[in-house]
Amino acid sequence: MFEYDQEIVEVLLNDNKQFQALYEEHDTLKKKVRDAELGVLPLDDLSLGTMKKEKLLAKDRMAAMIEQYRREHA
C-alpha cells in the first residue's frame, strides 16, 4: 500500500497519531476482509461490504494525509 510514497508513510507513521490509527485500522480491516473471503471469518454479505467500505475510507483518508504532507513539504 502506498508503495510510491513509502518515505512519506514512514514519516507519518512516526510523527502523526491520526495516521498511525488509520494505518492500524486499515490493516485490521484488511485482515478481516481476507479472512471473510477465505471463509475463516463467517460474515454475511452486508457486513463484508460494510467492512470493505470502511477499509477503503481509511485508505482514502491516509491518501489525503499523504497528499497534504506532499503539498506542505514540496
PDB file of N, CA and C in Angstrom:
ATOM      1  N   MET A   1       0.839  -1.179   0.000  1.00  0.00           N
ATOM      2  CA  MET A   1       0.000   0.000   0.000  1.00  0.00           C
ATOM      3  C   MET A   1       0.885   1.243   0.000  1.00  0.00           C
ATOM      4  N   PHE A   2       0.598   2.176  -0.863  1.00  0.00           N
ATOM      5  CA  PHE A   2       1.341   3.436  -0.984  1.00  0.00           C
ATOM      6  C   PHE A   2       2.832   3.180  -1.266  1.00  0.00           C
ATOM      7  N   GLU A   3       3.113   2.253  -2.162  1.00  0.00           N
ATOM      8  CA  GLU A   3       4.493   1.889  -2.463  1.00  0.00           C
ATOM      9  C   GLU A   3       5.327   3.078  -2.934  1.00  0.00           C
ATOM     10  N   TYR A   4       4.704   3.975  -3.689  1.00  0.00           N
ATOM     11  CA  TYR A   4       5.441   5.106  -4.244  1.00  0.00           C
ATOM     12  C   TYR A   4       5.664   6.216  -3.215  1.00  0.00           C
ATOM     13  N   ASP A   5       4.973   6.152  -2.105  1.00  0.00           N
ATOM     14  CA  ASP A   5       5.066   7.177  -1.072  1.00  0.00           C
ATOM     15  C   ASP A   5       5.608   6.612   0.234  1.00  0.00           C
ATOM     16  N   GLN A   6       6.411   5.567   0.147  1.00  0.00           N
ATOM     17  CA  GLN A   6       6.844   4.867   1.347  1.00  0.00           C
ATOM     18  C   GLN A   6       7.597   5.778   2.320  1.00  0.00           C
ATOM     19  N   GLU A   7       8.390   6.688   1.807  1.00  0.00           N
ATOM     20  CA  GLU A   7       9.130   7.600   2.694  1.00  0.00           C
ATOM     21  C   GLU A   7       8.159   8.488   3.486  1.00  0.00           C
ATOM     22  N   ILE A   8       7.158   9.012   2.814  1.00  0.00           N
ATOM     23  CA  ILE A   8       6.168   9.851   3.490  1.00  0.00           C
ATOM     24  C   ILE A   8       5.378   9.026   4.496  1.00  0.00           C
ATOM     25  N   VAL A   9       5.014   7.814   4.124  1.00  0.00           N
ATOM     26  CA  VAL A   9       4.284   6.930   5.042  1.00  0.00           C
ATOM     27  C   VAL A   9       5.100   6.709   6.310  1.00  0.00           C
ATOM     28  N   GLU A  10       6.382   6.460   6.161  1.00  0.00           N
ATOM     29  CA  GLU A  10       7.250   6.241   7.327  1.00  0.00           C
ATOM     30  C   GLU A  10       7.281   7.472   8.231  1.00  0.00           C
ATOM     31  N   VAL A  11       7.388   8.645   7.634  1.00  0.00           N
ATOM     32  CA  VAL A  11       7.394   9.882   8.418  1.00  0.00           C
ATOM     33  C   VAL A  11       6.077  10.033   9.172  1.00  0.00           C
ATOM     34  N   LEU A  12       4.970   9.835   8.463  1.00  0.00           N
ATOM     35  CA  LEU A  12       3.660   9.994   9.087  1.00  0.00           C
ATOM     36  C   LEU A  12       3.414   8.933  10.160  1.00  0.00           C
ATOM     37  N   LEU A  13       3.879   7.719   9.937  1.00  0.00           N
ATOM     38  CA  LEU A  13       3.728   6.679  10.959  1.00  0.00           C
ATOM     39  C   LEU A  13       4.495   7.027  12.228  1.00  0.00           C
ATOM     40  N   ASN A  14       5.609   7.698  12.068  1.00  0.00           N
ATOM     41  CA  ASN A  14       6.427   8.068  13.228  1.00  0.00           C
ATOM     42  C   ASN A  14       5.937   9.334  13.919  1.00  0.00           C
ATOM     43  N   ASP A  15       5.321  10.245  13.154  1.00  0.00           N
ATOM     44  CA  ASP A  15       5.035  11.575  13.689  1.00  0.00           C
ATOM     45  C   ASP A  15       3.553  11.920  13.844  1.00  0.00           C
ATOM     46  N   ASN A  16       2.649  11.125  13.287  1.00  0.00           N
ATOM     47  CA  ASN A  16       1.243  11.513  13.240  1.00  0.00           C
ATOM     48  C   ASN A  16       0.366  10.413  13.838  1.00  0.00           C
ATOM     49  N   LYS A  17      -0.188  10.688  14.997  1.00  0.00           N
ATOM     50  CA  LYS A  17      -1.016   9.700  15.708  1.00  0.00           C
ATOM     51  C   LYS A  17      -2.264   9.326  14.908  1.00  0.00           C
ATOM     52  N   GLN A  18      -2.868  10.303  14.246  1.00  0.00           N
ATOM     53  CA  GLN A  18      -4.067  10.024  13.459  1.00  0.00           C
ATOM     54  C   GLN A  18      -3.737   9.081  12.299  1.00  0.00           C
ATOM     55  N   PHE A  19      -2.617   9.333  11.630  1.00  0.00           N
ATOM     56  CA  PHE A  19      -2.206   8.461  10.530  1.00  0.00           C
ATOM     57  C   PHE A  19      -1.917   7.056  11.055  1.00  0.00           C
ATOM     58  N   GLN A  20      -1.255   6.975  12.202  1.00  0.00           N
ATOM     59  CA  GLN A  20      -0.958   5.670  12.813  1.00  0.00           C
ATOM     60  C   GLN A  20      -2.246   4.891  13.066  1.00  0.00           C
ATOM     61  N   ALA A  21      -3.252   5.560  13.618  1.00  0.00           N
ATOM     62  CA  ALA A  21      -4.527   4.907  13.928  1.00  0.00           C
ATOM     63  C   ALA A  21      -5.217   4.436  12.644  1.00  0.00           C
ATOM     64  N   LEU A  22      -5.208   5.270  11.620  1.00  0.00           N
ATOM     65  CA  LEU A  22      -5.815   4.881  10.346  1.00  0.00           C
ATOM     66  C   LEU A  22      -5.084   3.695   9.726  1.00  0.00           C
ATOM     67  N   TYR A  23      -3.767   3.711   9.815  1.00  0.00           N
ATOM     68  CA  TYR A  23      -2.954   2.632   9.257  1.00  0.00           C
ATOM     69  C   TYR A  23      -3.270   1.312   9.954  1.00  0.00           C
ATOM     70  N   GLU A  24      -3.370   1.348  11.273  1.00  0.00           N
ATOM     71  CA  GLU A  24      -3.695   0.144  12.041  1.00  0.00           C
ATOM     72  C   GLU A  24      -5.118  -0.325  11.748  1.00  0.00           C
ATOM     73  N   GLU A  25      -6.064   0.629  11.655  1.00  0.00           N
ATOM     74  CA  GLU A  25      -7.444   0.281  11.340  1.00  0.00           C
ATOM     75  C   GLU A  25      -7.527  -0.389   9.972  1.00  0.00           C
ATOM     76  N   HIS A  26      -6.839   0.192   8.983  1.00  0.00           N
ATOM     77  CA  HIS A  26      -6.845  -0.374   7.635  1.00  0.00           C
ATOM     78  C   HIS A  26      -6.254  -1.777   7.634  1.00  0.00           C
ATOM     79  N   ASP A  27      -5.154  -1.957   8.349  1.00  0.00           N
ATOM     80  CA  ASP A  27      -4.510  -3.266   8.402  1.00  0.00           C
ATOM     81  C   ASP A  27      -5.423  -4.312   9.040  1.00  0.00           C
ATOM     82  N   THR A  28      -6.077  -3.947  10.126  1.00  0.00           N
ATOM     83  CA  THR A  28      -7.001  -4.859  10.801  1.00  0.00           C
ATOM     84  C   THR A  28      -8.164  -5.229   9.888  1.00  0.00           C
ATOM     85  N   LEU A  29      -8.736  -4.223   9.236  1.00  0.00           N
ATOM     86  CA  LEU A  29      -9.859  -4.478   8.328  1.00  0.00           C
ATOM     87  C   LEU A  29      -9.424  -5.331   7.136  1.00  0.00           C
ATOM     88  N   LYS A  30      -8.228  -5.075   6.631  1.00  0.00           N
ATOM     89  CA  LYS A  30      -7.720  -5.855   5.501  1.00  0.00           C
ATOM     90  C   LYS A  30      -7.618  -7.335   5.873  1.00  0.00           C
ATOM     91  N   LYS A  31      -7.130  -7.609   7.062  1.00  0.00           N
ATOM     92  CA  LYS A  31      -7.011  -8.999   7.523  1.00  0.00           C
ATOM     93  C   LYS A  31      -8.389  -9.638   7.705  1.00  0.00           C
ATOM     94  N   LYS A  32      -9.333  -8.893   8.260  1.00  0.00           N
ATOM     95  CA  LYS A  32     -10.684  -9.427   8.473  1.00  0.00           C
ATOM     96  C   LYS A  32     -11.381  -9.693   7.137  1.00  0.00           C
ATOM     97  N   VAL A  33     -11.232  -8.781   6.181  1.00  0.00           N
ATOM     98  CA  VAL A  33     -11.832  -8.976   4.858  1.00  0.00           C
ATOM     99  C   VAL A  33     -11.236 -10.216   4.207  1.00  0.00           C
ATOM    100  N   ARG A  34      -9.939 -10.347   4.269  1.00  0.00           N
ATOM    101  CA  ARG A  34      -9.282 -11.522   3.686  1.00  0.00           C
ATOM    102  C   ARG A  34      -9.806 -12.813   4.329  1.00  0.00           C
ATOM    103  N   ASP A  35      -9.885 -12.805   5.671  1.00  0.00           N
ATOM    104  CA  ASP A  35     -10.382 -13.986   6.380  1.00  0.00           C
ATOM    105  C   ASP A  35     -11.831 -14.293   6.009  1.00  0.00           C
ATOM    106  N   ALA A  36     -12.638 -13.264   5.866  1.00  0.00           N
ATOM    107  CA  ALA A  36     -14.040 -13.464   5.486  1.00  0.00           C
ATOM    108  C   ALA A  36     -14.143 -14.034   4.077  1.00  0.00           C
ATOM    109  N   GLU A  37     -13.318 -13.524   3.169  1.00  0.00           N
ATOM    110  CA  GLU A  37     -13.356 -14.015   1.792  1.00  0.00           C
ATOM    111  C   GLU A  37     -12.851 -15.451   1.685  1.00  0.00           C
ATOM    112  N   LEU A  38     -11.960 -15.839   2.596  1.00  0.00           N
ATOM    113  CA  LEU A  38     -11.464 -17.219   2.620  1.00  0.00           C
ATOM    114  C   LEU A  38     -12.413 -18.157   3.356  1.00  0.00           C
ATOM    115  N   GLY A  39     -13.399 -17.594   4.035  1.00  0.00           N
ATOM    116  CA  GLY A  39     -14.350 -18.404   4.780  1.00  0.00           C
ATOM    117  C   GLY A  39     -13.927 -18.693   6.209  1.00  0.00           C
ATOM    118  N   VAL A  40     -12.810 -18.115   6.636  1.00  0.00           N
ATOM    119  CA  VAL A  40     -12.323 -18.317   8.003  1.00  0.00           C
ATOM    120  C   VAL A  40     -13.147 -17.518   9.002  1.00  0.00           C
ATOM    121  N   LEU A  41     -13.557 -16.335   8.582  1.00  0.00           N
ATOM    122  CA  LEU A  41     -14.371 -15.460   9.419  1.00  0.00           C
ATOM    123  C   LEU A  41     -15.778 -15.411   8.822  1.00  0.00           C
ATOM    124  N   PRO A  42     -16.752 -16.020   9.490  1.00  0.00           N
ATOM    125  CA  PRO A  42     -18.098 -16.030   8.927  1.00  0.00           C
ATOM    126  C   PRO A  42     -18.763 -14.658   9.016  1.00  0.00           C
ATOM    127  N   LEU A  43     -19.073 -14.098   7.854  1.00  0.00           N
ATOM    128  CA  LEU A  43     -19.742 -12.797   7.777  1.00  0.00           C
ATOM    129  C   LEU A  43     -20.798 -12.846   6.684  1.00  0.00           C
ATOM    130  N   ASP A  44     -21.883 -12.142   6.903  1.00  0.00           N
ATOM    131  CA  ASP A  44     -22.881 -12.025   5.841  1.00  0.00           C
ATOM    132  C   ASP A  44     -22.393 -10.984   4.829  1.00  0.00           C
ATOM    133  N   ASP A  45     -23.005 -10.975   3.673  1.00  0.00           N
ATOM    134  CA  ASP A  45     -22.568 -10.086   2.587  1.00  0.00           C
ATOM    135  C   ASP A  45     -22.644  -8.615   2.968  1.00  0.00           C
ATOM    136  N   LEU A  46     -23.677  -8.238   3.708  1.00  0.00           N
ATOM    137  CA  LEU A  46     -23.831  -6.846   4.118  1.00  0.00           C
ATOM    138  C   LEU A  46     -22.689  -6.415   5.035  1.00  0.00           C
ATOM    139  N   SER A  47     -22.347  -7.245   5.995  1.00  0.00           N
ATOM    140  CA  SER A  47     -21.250  -6.922   6.919  1.00  0.00           C
ATOM    141  C   SER A  47     -19.919  -6.858   6.185  1.00  0.00           C
ATOM    142  N   LEU A  48     -19.701  -7.790   5.272  1.00  0.00           N
ATOM    143  CA  LEU A  48     -18.471  -7.788   4.494  1.00  0.00           C
ATOM    144  C   LEU A  48     -18.384  -6.533   3.634  1.00  0.00           C
ATOM    145  N   GLY A  49     -19.481  -6.163   3.005  1.00  0.00           N
ATOM    146  CA  GLY A  49     -19.490  -4.948   2.190  1.00  0.00           C
ATOM    147  C   GLY A  49     -19.216  -3.709   3.011  1.00  0.00           C
ATOM    148  N   THR A  50     -19.797  -3.645   4.192  1.00  0.00           N
ATOM    149  CA  THR A  50     -19.560  -2.506   5.090  1.00  0.00           C
ATOM    150  C   THR A  50     -18.100  -2.448   5.502  1.00  0.00           C
ATOM    151  N   MET A  51     -17.531  -3.608   5.809  1.00  0.00           N
ATOM    152  CA  MET A  51     -16.129  -3.665   6.218  1.00  0.00           C
ATOM    153  C   MET A  51     -15.214  -3.217   5.078  1.00  0.00           C
ATOM    154  N   LYS A  52     -15.541  -3.610   3.862  1.00  0.00           N
ATOM    155  CA  LYS A  52     -14.742  -3.196   2.709  1.00  0.00           C
ATOM    156  C   LYS A  52     -14.814  -1.680   2.516  1.00  0.00           C
ATOM    157  N   LYS A  53     -15.999  -1.104   2.718  1.00  0.00           N
ATOM    158  CA  LYS A  53     -16.150   0.345   2.588  1.00  0.00           C
ATOM    159  C   LYS A  53     -15.356   1.074   3.670  1.00  0.00           C
ATOM    160  N   GLU A  54     -15.372   0.556   4.885  1.00  0.00           N
ATOM    161  CA  GLU A  54     -14.603   1.166   5.973  1.00  0.00           C
ATOM    162  C   GLU A  54     -13.108   1.107   5.678  1.00  0.00           C
ATOM    163  N   LYS A  55     -12.663  -0.023   5.126  1.00  0.00           N
ATOM    164  CA  LYS A  55     -11.249  -0.184   4.771  1.00  0.00           C
ATOM    165  C   LYS A  55     -10.855   0.825   3.695  1.00  0.00           C
ATOM    166  N   LEU A  56     -11.709   0.972   2.692  1.00  0.00           N
ATOM    167  CA  LEU A  56     -11.440   1.922   1.619  1.00  0.00           C
ATOM    168  C   LEU A  56     -11.446   3.360   2.128  1.00  0.00           C
ATOM    169  N   LEU A  57     -12.355   3.670   3.034  1.00  0.00           N
ATOM    170  CA  LEU A  57     -12.408   5.008   3.619  1.00  0.00           C
ATOM    171  C   LEU A  57     -11.124   5.312   4.385  1.00  0.00           C
ATOM    172  N   ALA A  58     -10.634   4.349   5.152  1.00  0.00           N
ATOM    173  CA  ALA A  58      -9.378   4.548   5.882  1.00  0.00           C
ATOM    174  C   ALA A  58      -8.235   4.793   4.897  1.00  0.00           C
ATOM    175  N   LYS A  59      -8.200   4.029   3.822  1.00  0.00           N
ATOM    176  CA  LYS A  59      -7.146   4.199   2.816  1.00  0.00           C
ATOM    177  C   LYS A  59      -7.246   5.568   2.151  1.00  0.00           C
ATOM    178  N   ASP A  60      -8.469   5.985   1.823  1.00  0.00           N
ATOM    179  CA  ASP A  60      -8.662   7.300   1.204  1.00  0.00           C
ATOM    180  C   ASP A  60      -8.218   8.426   2.136  1.00  0.00           C
ATOM    181  N   ARG A  61      -8.514   8.284   3.419  1.00  0.00           N
ATOM    182  CA  ARG A  61      -8.106   9.306   4.390  1.00  0.00           C
ATOM    183  C   ARG A  61      -6.581   9.352   4.525  1.00  0.00           C
ATOM    184  N   MET A  62      -5.940   8.190   4.493  1.00  0.00           N
ATOM    185  CA  MET A  62      -4.469   8.170   4.530  1.00  0.00           C
ATOM    186  C   MET A  62      -3.890   8.795   3.274  1.00  0.00           C
ATOM    187  N   ALA A  63      -4.487   8.511   2.130  1.00  0.00           N
ATOM    188  CA  ALA A  63      -4.019   9.094   0.871  1.00  0.00           C
ATOM    189  C   ALA A  63      -4.127  10.612   0.907  1.00  0.00           C
ATOM    190  N   ALA A  64      -5.195  11.126   1.484  1.00  0.00           N
ATOM    191  CA  ALA A  64      -5.367  12.573   1.604  1.00  0.00           C
ATOM    192  C   ALA A  64      -4.301  13.162   2.522  1.00  0.00           C
ATOM    193  N   MET A  65      -3.971  12.464   3.590  1.00  0.00           N
ATOM    194  CA  MET A  65      -2.938  12.951   4.506  1.00  0.00           C
ATOM    195  C   MET A  65      -1.565  12.935   3.835  1.00  0.00           C
ATOM    196  N   ILE A  66      -1.310  11.928   3.021  1.00  0.00           N
ATOM    197  CA  ILE A  66      -0.051  11.855   2.274  1.00  0.00           C
ATOM    198  C   ILE A  66       0.028  13.014   1.288  1.00  0.00           C
ATOM    199  N   GLU A  67      -1.067  13.274   0.592  1.00  0.00           N
ATOM    200  CA  GLU A  67      -1.088  14.376  -0.371  1.00  0.00           C
ATOM    201  C   GLU A  67      -0.893  15.718   0.329  1.00  0.00           C
ATOM    202  N   GLN A  68      -1.513  15.884   1.478  1.00  0.00           N
ATOM    203  CA  GLN A  68      -1.339  17.127   2.227  1.00  0.00           C
ATOM    204  C   GLN A  68       0.120  17.287   2.670  1.00  0.00           C
ATOM    205  N   TYR A  69       0.720  16.215   3.133  1.00  0.00           N
ATOM    206  CA  TYR A  69       2.133  16.260   3.533  1.00  0.00           C
ATOM    207  C   TYR A  69       2.995  16.647   2.334  1.00  0.00           C
ATOM    208  N   ARG A  70       2.715  16.055   1.183  1.00  0.00           N
ATOM    209  CA  ARG A  70       3.484  16.343  -0.025  1.00  0.00           C
ATOM    210  C   ARG A  70       3.387  17.825  -0.383  1.00  0.00           C
ATOM    211  N   ARG A  71       2.165  18.391  -0.309  1.00  0.00           N
ATOM    212  CA  ARG A  71       1.988  19.815  -0.640  1.00  0.00           C
ATOM    213  C   ARG A  71       2.722  20.721   0.364  1.00  0.00           C
ATOM    214  N   GLU A  72       2.680  20.347   1.639  1.00  0.00           N
ATOM    215  CA  GLU A  72       3.301  21.179   2.671  1.00  0.00           C
ATOM    216  C   GLU A  72       4.820  21.098   2.656  1.00  0.00           C
ATOM    217  N   HIS A  73       5.365  20.027   2.098  1.00  0.00           N
ATOM    218  CA  HIS A  73       6.825  19.820   2.114  1.00  0.00           C
ATOM    219  C   HIS A  73       7.422  19.807   0.714  1.00  0.00           C
ATOM    220  N   ALA A  74       6.758  20.463  -0.213  1.00  0.00           N
ATOM    221  CA  ALA A  74       7.250  20.483  -1.601  1.00  0.00           C
ATOM    222  C   ALA A  74       8.382  21.490  -1.750  1.00  0.00           C
TER     223      ALA A  74
END
